[in-house]
Amino acid sequence: MEFRRKKLQIVVRSPDLGLPARCLTLAPDLTLRRLKLAFLPGILLRQPLAFESLYFDLGGRPLTDSSTLTDAGIAAGSSAVLTLRLRLRGGGGDGGATGAESRDCYLNMYAIKKPDKVDPNETRLSKWTTCALSGEPLAPPVVVDRLGNLFNKEALVEALIHKNIPKEFSHIRGLKDMIPIHLSLNPGAANSETRFECPITGLEFNGKYGFLVLRGCGHVLSVKALKEVKSSACLVCHKEFSESDKLVINGSTEEVAVLRERMEEERSKLKERKEKKASAHLSGTKHAGDEHDRILDNGRKVGGAKRFKAMDMVPANATKEVYASIFTSSKKSNFKETFSCRSLPLGRN
């Protein structure tokens, strides 16, 4: 009985945190700090700043965490209500809140898990070892677009057929925008982070070093190899190339901008050539028609060239009229020709 008389019936609530009110039977010497530890959810207990920002008050009077229930003035048999409140810091320069933020926002700052940071090394390696469209590891046949992005040819062709190319690769319109490339296998690929390397310098194809593809032959070489060996021919197949044949793979923003400008210029020139060819074709047809119209009825052109006549090529020992009937009506008459037969006069068919 003595034990029961020492116990206190207390209601603990926290409207600031949205926690349900609880009726507890507690010992008079229990500190408010221990009560706070028992009342709060585990997620707030793991945040020291949030824990220290909470305090109890009794009838509007704030209480310290080191106070016991007896120190707070709670007597046995009284109906005490302890309220757990959130202390808002402010004033500027102390790292606290200004009071403008909602309390829910403050609590969610600790409750919501922040997304994991992406390792830049993994992002870089993925860009050089996987297909930019499917995300699968690069496997021959491999192609590169005019902006230096790497693709597995099968995945890119399938996307073109089904017309589901992402917006970022909308510049790829057909097979002409794909450049087949030859990647040199790395003999020590088992102990390396990439399967491919430069065939001249042995530098790994992993994004740590710059690489170029020669559009004429498709061989992939490191920038270092082309700098050290001054040559206008491919160092692998010895095919001649020009400066415009060099295409940077996975270049910087500035390098991609240069490649895009070059691509638009090439497309513009191709369009002009097609328009000139179509214009020349149309003008040639019209000229031929004009020449035909200039032929006179007497078999001569305005320019003086004689028109071809079958009678001029009569074989030896052949009758001219019989030979001419092969190409024209067998006999001229005053009768009108019909649609069905030129040789029969009107009224006889």
Protein backbone atom coordinates (compact mmCIF):
# COMPACT_ATOMS: atom_id res chain seq x y z
CA MET A 1 0.00 0.00 0.00
CA GLU A 2 2.86 2.38 0.82
CA PHE A 3 4.29 1.78 -2.71
CA ARG A 4 0.98 2.64 -4.34
CA ARG A 5 0.63 5.89 -2.39
CA LYS A 6 3.97 7.09 -3.67
CA LYS A 7 2.96 6.63 -7.30
CA LEU A 8 1.58 9.64 -9.25
CA GLN A 9 -1.08 9.54 -11.96
CA ILE A 10 0.04 11.91 -14.73
CA VAL A 11 -1.24 12.62 -18.25
CA VAL A 12 1.54 13.30 -20.80
CA ARG A 13 0.68 14.85 -24.17
CA SER A 14 2.55 16.49 -27.06
CA PRO A 15 0.36 18.41 -29.56
CA ASP A 16 3.46 19.91 -31.23
CA LEU A 17 4.67 16.45 -32.27
CA GLY A 18 1.25 15.04 -33.00
CA LEU A 19 1.74 12.20 -30.49
CA PRO A 20 -1.29 10.73 -28.68
CA ALA A 21 -1.80 11.57 -25.01
CA ARG A 22 -0.87 8.84 -22.51
CA CYS A 23 -1.90 8.30 -18.86
CA LEU A 24 1.11 7.11 -16.88
CA THR A 25 1.72 5.96 -13.30
CA LEU A 26 5.13 7.28 -12.29
CA ALA A 27 7.40 7.50 -9.24
CA PRO A 28 7.70 11.00 -7.65
CA ASP A 29 11.52 10.98 -7.96
CA LEU A 30 11.47 10.34 -11.71
CA THR A 31 13.29 13.10 -13.63
CA LEU A 32 11.68 14.76 -16.60
CA ARG A 33 14.63 13.78 -18.77
CA ARG A 34 13.97 10.06 -18.16
CA LEU A 35 10.26 10.67 -18.81
CA LYS A 36 11.15 12.30 -22.12
CA LEU A 37 13.30 9.30 -23.10
CA ALA A 38 10.42 6.94 -22.37
CA PHE A 39 7.79 9.04 -24.16
CA LEU A 40 9.56 9.99 -27.42
CA PRO A 41 9.75 7.68 -30.49
CA GLY A 42 13.10 6.16 -31.34
CA ILE A 43 13.67 8.26 -34.48
CA LEU A 44 13.83 11.48 -32.43
CA LEU A 45 16.01 9.90 -29.76
CA ARG A 46 18.70 9.36 -32.39
CA GLN A 47 18.77 13.09 -33.15
CA PRO A 48 20.46 14.96 -30.24
CA LEU A 49 19.43 18.39 -31.54
CA ALA A 50 15.78 17.42 -31.76
CA PHE A 51 15.86 15.82 -28.29
CA GLU A 52 17.32 18.89 -26.62
CA SER A 53 14.79 21.17 -28.36
CA LEU A 54 11.88 19.50 -26.50
CA TYR A 55 10.83 20.43 -22.95
CA PHE A 56 7.95 19.82 -20.52
CA ASP A 57 5.68 22.47 -19.13
CA LEU A 58 3.03 22.31 -16.42
CA GLY A 59 0.19 24.79 -16.77
CA GLY A 60 2.26 27.00 -19.05
CA ARG A 61 5.31 26.93 -16.76
CA PRO A 62 8.45 25.45 -18.44
CA LEU A 63 10.30 22.77 -16.50
CA THR A 64 13.96 21.73 -16.72
CA ASP A 65 14.94 18.17 -17.63
CA SER A 66 16.80 17.71 -14.35
CA SER A 67 13.65 18.38 -12.29
CA THR A 68 11.78 15.51 -10.68
CA LEU A 69 8.02 15.21 -10.60
CA THR A 70 8.08 16.33 -6.96
CA ASP A 71 10.23 19.35 -7.84
CA ALA A 72 7.70 20.26 -10.52
CA GLY A 73 5.05 20.59 -7.81
CA ILE A 74 3.00 17.53 -8.68
CA ALA A 75 1.30 16.21 -5.56
CA ALA A 76 -0.17 12.79 -5.01
CA GLY A 77 -3.85 12.60 -5.89
CA SER A 78 -3.72 15.66 -8.18
CA SER A 79 -4.67 15.41 -11.85
CA ALA A 80 -1.47 16.82 -13.41
CA VAL A 81 -1.06 17.23 -17.15
CA LEU A 82 2.48 17.51 -18.51
CA THR A 83 2.83 18.94 -22.03
CA LEU A 84 5.91 18.19 -24.13
CA ARG A 85 6.62 21.22 -26.31
CA LEU A 86 9.08 22.15 -29.04
CA ARG A 87 11.41 25.02 -28.22
CA LEU A 88 11.86 27.39 -31.20
CA ARG A 89 15.22 29.08 -31.30
CA GLY A 90 15.78 32.29 -33.17
CA GLY A 91 17.34 35.71 -33.21
CA GLY A 92 19.87 35.00 -35.97
CA GLY A 93 23.40 33.70 -35.84
CA ASP A 94 22.65 30.85 -33.42
CA GLY A 95 21.77 28.25 -36.08
CA GLY A 96 18.19 27.98 -34.83
CA ALA A 97 14.90 28.53 -36.58
CA THR A 98 13.46 32.00 -37.20
CA GLY A 99 9.94 30.97 -36.31
CA ALA A 100 8.80 31.20 -39.93
CA GLU A 101 9.20 27.48 -40.55
CA SER A 102 6.47 25.10 -39.48
CA ARG A 103 7.18 22.61 -36.74
CA ASP A 104 6.34 19.72 -39.05
CA CYS A 105 9.03 20.90 -41.45
CA TYR A 106 11.53 21.00 -38.61
CA LEU A 107 10.73 17.44 -37.55
CA ASN A 108 10.67 16.09 -41.10
CA MET A 109 14.21 17.35 -41.52
CA TYR A 110 15.27 14.50 -39.24
CA ALA A 111 12.61 11.98 -40.14
CA ILE A 112 13.15 11.92 -43.93
CA LYS A 113 16.19 10.02 -45.10
CA LYS A 114 18.38 11.95 -47.50
CA PRO A 115 19.27 10.28 -50.81
CA ASP A 116 22.65 8.63 -51.02
CA LYS A 117 25.35 10.56 -52.78
CA VAL A 118 26.40 9.23 -56.18
CA ASP A 119 30.03 8.29 -56.49
CA PRO A 120 31.47 10.38 -59.37
CA ASN A 121 33.99 7.64 -60.17
CA GLU A 122 31.18 5.13 -60.73
CA THR A 123 29.34 7.61 -62.95
CA ARG A 124 32.46 8.23 -65.00
CA LEU A 125 33.25 4.53 -65.39
CA SER A 126 29.67 3.68 -66.35
CA LYS A 127 29.75 6.27 -69.14
CA TRP A 128 32.78 4.57 -70.72
CA THR A 129 31.93 0.90 -70.19
CA THR A 130 28.17 0.68 -70.78
CA CYS A 131 25.73 1.52 -73.58
CA ALA A 132 24.36 5.06 -73.21
CA LEU A 133 20.89 3.81 -74.22
CA SER A 134 20.40 0.39 -72.62
CA GLY A 135 22.93 0.59 -69.76
CA GLU A 136 24.31 -2.84 -70.69
CA PRO A 137 28.09 -3.46 -70.89
CA LEU A 138 29.64 -2.49 -74.21
CA ALA A 139 29.92 -5.49 -76.52
CA PRO A 140 30.83 -5.47 -80.24
CA PRO A 141 29.43 -4.27 -82.53
CA VAL A 142 29.78 -0.89 -80.85
CA VAL A 143 28.92 2.43 -82.51
CA VAL A 144 29.34 6.10 -81.60
CA ASP A 145 27.05 8.95 -82.61
CA ARG A 146 28.22 12.29 -83.98
CA LEU A 147 28.38 13.75 -80.47
CA GLY A 148 30.68 11.03 -79.09
CA ASN A 149 28.18 8.86 -77.15
CA LEU A 150 28.80 5.10 -77.03
CA PHE A 151 26.12 2.55 -77.90
CA ASN A 152 25.66 -1.13 -78.52
CA LYS A 153 24.53 -1.14 -82.15
CA GLU A 154 21.78 -3.70 -81.60
CA ALA A 155 20.13 -1.64 -78.84
CA LEU A 156 20.29 1.57 -80.88
CA VAL A 157 18.90 0.00 -84.06
CA GLU A 158 16.05 -1.58 -82.11
CA ALA A 159 15.19 1.81 -80.57
CA LEU A 160 15.15 3.41 -84.03
CA ILE A 161 12.87 0.70 -85.40
CA HIS A 162 10.37 1.10 -82.54
CA LYS A 163 10.77 4.91 -82.59
CA ASN A 164 11.42 5.17 -78.86
CA ILE A 165 14.68 7.15 -78.94
CA PRO A 166 15.00 9.37 -75.83
CA LYS A 167 14.89 13.13 -76.37
CA GLU A 168 18.57 13.52 -75.47
CA PHE A 169 19.48 11.33 -78.48
CA SER A 170 16.93 12.81 -80.91
CA HIS A 171 19.80 13.90 -83.19
CA ILE A 172 20.20 10.23 -84.22
CA ARG A 173 17.88 9.81 -87.19
CA GLY A 174 19.20 6.71 -88.92
CA LEU A 175 22.13 4.45 -89.70
CA LYS A 176 24.06 7.36 -91.23
CA ASP A 177 24.31 8.93 -87.78
CA MET A 178 26.08 5.83 -86.39
CA ILE A 179 29.82 5.40 -86.77
CA PRO A 180 31.05 1.79 -86.28
CA ILE A 181 34.15 1.71 -84.08
CA HIS A 182 36.84 -0.85 -83.30
CA LEU A 183 37.75 -1.19 -79.61
CA SER A 184 40.99 -2.97 -78.70
CA LEU A 185 40.60 -5.58 -75.96
CA ASN A 186 42.65 -5.21 -72.80
CA PRO A 187 44.72 -8.41 -72.21
CA GLY A 188 44.65 -7.80 -68.45
CA ALA A 189 40.91 -7.12 -68.31
CA ALA A 190 40.46 -9.58 -65.43
CA ASN A 191 42.48 -7.31 -63.13
CA SER A 192 41.21 -4.05 -64.58
CA GLU A 193 38.01 -1.98 -64.40
CA THR A 194 37.55 -1.96 -68.18
CA ARG A 195 37.75 -4.43 -71.06
CA PHE A 196 39.29 -2.06 -73.61
CA GLU A 197 42.46 -0.01 -74.04
CA CYS A 198 44.41 2.09 -76.52
CA PRO A 199 46.23 -0.26 -78.96
CA ILE A 200 49.25 2.06 -79.09
CA THR A 201 49.85 3.33 -75.53
CA GLY A 202 47.93 0.70 -73.55
CA LEU A 203 45.95 3.36 -71.64
CA GLU A 204 42.72 1.98 -70.25
CA PHE A 205 39.40 2.99 -71.79
CA ASN A 206 37.84 4.13 -68.51
CA GLY A 207 37.40 7.91 -68.75
CA LYS A 208 40.63 8.88 -67.01
CA TYR A 209 42.26 9.59 -70.37
CA GLY A 210 40.97 11.26 -73.52
CA PHE A 211 40.11 9.07 -76.53
CA LEU A 212 39.31 9.80 -80.19
CA VAL A 213 37.71 7.77 -82.95
CA LEU A 214 38.82 8.21 -86.57
CA ARG A 215 35.63 8.38 -88.62
CA GLY A 216 37.25 7.04 -91.76
CA CYS A 217 38.36 3.67 -90.35
CA GLY A 218 36.65 3.56 -86.95
CA HIS A 219 39.76 2.82 -84.87
CA VAL A 220 39.77 4.22 -81.33
CA LEU A 221 43.04 5.77 -80.15
CA SER A 222 44.04 7.75 -77.10
CA VAL A 223 44.73 11.47 -77.43
CA LYS A 224 48.21 10.83 -76.02
CA ALA A 225 49.04 8.39 -78.85
CA LEU A 226 48.09 10.91 -81.56
CA LYS A 227 50.09 13.63 -79.81
CA GLU A 228 53.25 11.57 -79.41
CA VAL A 229 53.16 10.08 -82.93
CA LYS A 230 52.71 12.89 -85.44
CA SER A 231 51.02 11.24 -88.41
CA SER A 232 48.21 11.92 -90.86
CA ALA A 233 47.46 8.19 -91.11
CA CYS A 234 45.82 5.84 -88.63
CA LEU A 235 48.40 4.23 -86.38
CA VAL A 236 46.59 0.87 -86.66
CA CYS A 237 45.48 0.49 -90.30
CA HIS A 238 47.55 3.37 -91.80
CA LYS A 239 44.53 4.88 -93.56
CA GLU A 240 44.85 8.61 -94.21
CA PHE A 241 42.62 10.95 -92.20
CA SER A 242 42.02 14.68 -91.88
CA GLU A 243 41.54 16.82 -88.78
CA SER A 244 37.77 16.80 -89.30
CA ASP A 245 37.79 12.98 -89.11
CA LYS A 246 38.73 13.10 -85.41
CA LEU A 247 35.71 12.64 -83.13
CA VAL A 248 36.06 13.03 -79.36
CA ILE A 249 34.46 10.26 -77.30
CA ASN A 250 32.50 11.39 -74.19
CA GLY A 251 33.92 14.88 -74.50
CA SER A 252 33.40 17.89 -72.26
CA THR A 253 30.53 20.34 -72.67
CA GLU A 254 32.66 22.58 -74.89
CA GLU A 255 33.82 19.66 -77.05
CA VAL A 256 30.27 18.38 -77.48
CA ALA A 257 29.16 21.87 -78.53
CA VAL A 258 31.85 21.88 -81.25
CA LEU A 259 30.76 18.43 -82.46
CA ARG A 260 27.11 19.53 -82.56
CA GLU A 261 28.01 22.58 -84.62
CA ARG A 262 30.00 20.40 -87.02
CA MET A 263 27.07 17.98 -87.32
CA GLU A 264 24.61 20.77 -88.17
CA GLU A 265 27.03 22.19 -90.74
CA GLU A 266 27.44 18.81 -92.45
CA ARG A 267 23.69 18.30 -92.56
CA SER A 268 23.19 21.76 -94.02
CA LYS A 269 25.73 21.09 -96.79
CA LEU A 270 24.12 17.72 -97.57
CA LYS A 271 20.71 19.38 -97.84
CA GLU A 272 22.09 22.00 -100.24
CA ARG A 273 23.62 19.32 -102.47
CA LYS A 274 20.32 17.44 -102.62
CA GLU A 275 18.42 20.60 -103.51
CA LYS A 276 20.91 21.48 -106.26
CA LYS A 277 20.70 17.97 -107.68
CA ALA A 278 16.91 18.05 -107.70
CA SER A 279 16.94 21.51 -109.31
CA ALA A 280 19.36 20.37 -112.02
CA HIS A 281 17.19 17.34 -112.76
CA LEU A 282 14.08 19.47 -113.16
CA SER A 283 15.82 22.03 -115.35
CA GLY A 284 17.23 19.25 -117.57
CA THR A 285 13.75 17.79 -118.18
CA LYS A 286 12.35 21.17 -119.10
CA HIS A 287 15.20 21.81 -121.53
CA ALA A 288 14.56 18.49 -123.26
CA GLY A 289 10.92 19.46 -123.72
CA ASP A 290 11.87 22.80 -125.20
CA GLU A 291 14.16 21.14 -127.73
CA HIS A 292 11.33 18.80 -128.73
CA ASP A 293 8.99 21.74 -129.26
CA ARG A 294 11.52 23.46 -131.48
CA ILE A 295 11.41 20.67 -134.10
CA LEU A 296 9.62 21.93 -137.18
CA ASP A 297 7.16 20.02 -139.37
CA ASN A 298 9.61 19.83 -142.25
CA GLY A 299 11.91 17.61 -140.18
CA ARG A 300 14.45 20.25 -139.25
CA LYS A 301 15.27 21.93 -135.96
CA VAL A 302 15.76 25.63 -135.48
CA GLY A 303 19.43 24.97 -134.97
CA GLY A 304 19.66 23.24 -138.34
CA ALA A 305 20.01 19.58 -137.24
CA LYS A 306 18.07 17.17 -139.41
CA ARG A 307 15.33 15.01 -137.87
CA PHE A 308 15.71 11.21 -138.17
CA LYS A 309 13.51 9.52 -140.80
CA ALA A 310 13.08 5.77 -141.31
CA MET A 311 13.22 6.26 -145.10
CA ASP A 312 16.83 7.40 -144.78
CA MET A 313 17.87 3.94 -143.49
CA VAL A 314 16.17 1.67 -146.04
CA PRO A 315 18.09 -1.63 -146.41
CA ALA A 316 19.32 -2.69 -149.81
CA ASN A 317 16.75 -4.39 -152.17
CA ALA A 318 13.87 -3.24 -149.94
CA THR A 319 10.78 -1.33 -151.08
CA LYS A 320 10.60 2.04 -149.39
CA GLU A 321 6.82 1.94 -148.90
CA VAL A 322 6.93 -1.53 -147.31
CA TYR A 323 9.79 -0.55 -145.02
CA ALA A 324 8.09 2.69 -144.04
CA SER A 325 4.86 0.82 -143.15
CA ILE A 326 6.69 -0.79 -140.25
CA PHE A 327 6.92 2.59 -138.52
CA THR A 328 3.87 4.45 -139.92
CA SER A 329 0.47 3.80 -141.49
CA SER A 330 0.78 1.60 -144.53
CA LYS A 331 -1.14 4.03 -146.70
CA LYS A 332 -2.24 7.59 -146.35
CA SER A 333 -5.88 8.42 -147.05
CA ASN A 334 -8.39 11.15 -146.45
CA PHE A 335 -10.33 9.02 -144.00
CA LYS A 336 -10.17 9.87 -140.31
CA GLU A 337 -8.32 7.49 -138.01
CA THR A 338 -10.19 5.78 -135.18
CA PHE A 339 -9.15 5.16 -131.59
CA SER A 340 -9.16 1.37 -132.13
CA CYS A 341 -7.02 1.19 -135.23
CA ARG A 342 -5.16 3.79 -137.18
CA SER A 343 -5.11 1.73 -140.39
CA LEU A 344 -8.87 1.34 -140.71
CA PRO A 345 -10.90 4.31 -141.91
CA LEU A 346 -14.03 5.47 -140.11
CA GLY A 347 -17.03 3.27 -141.01
CA ARG A 348 -15.05 0.10 -141.80
CA ASN A 349 -14.29 -1.24 -138.29
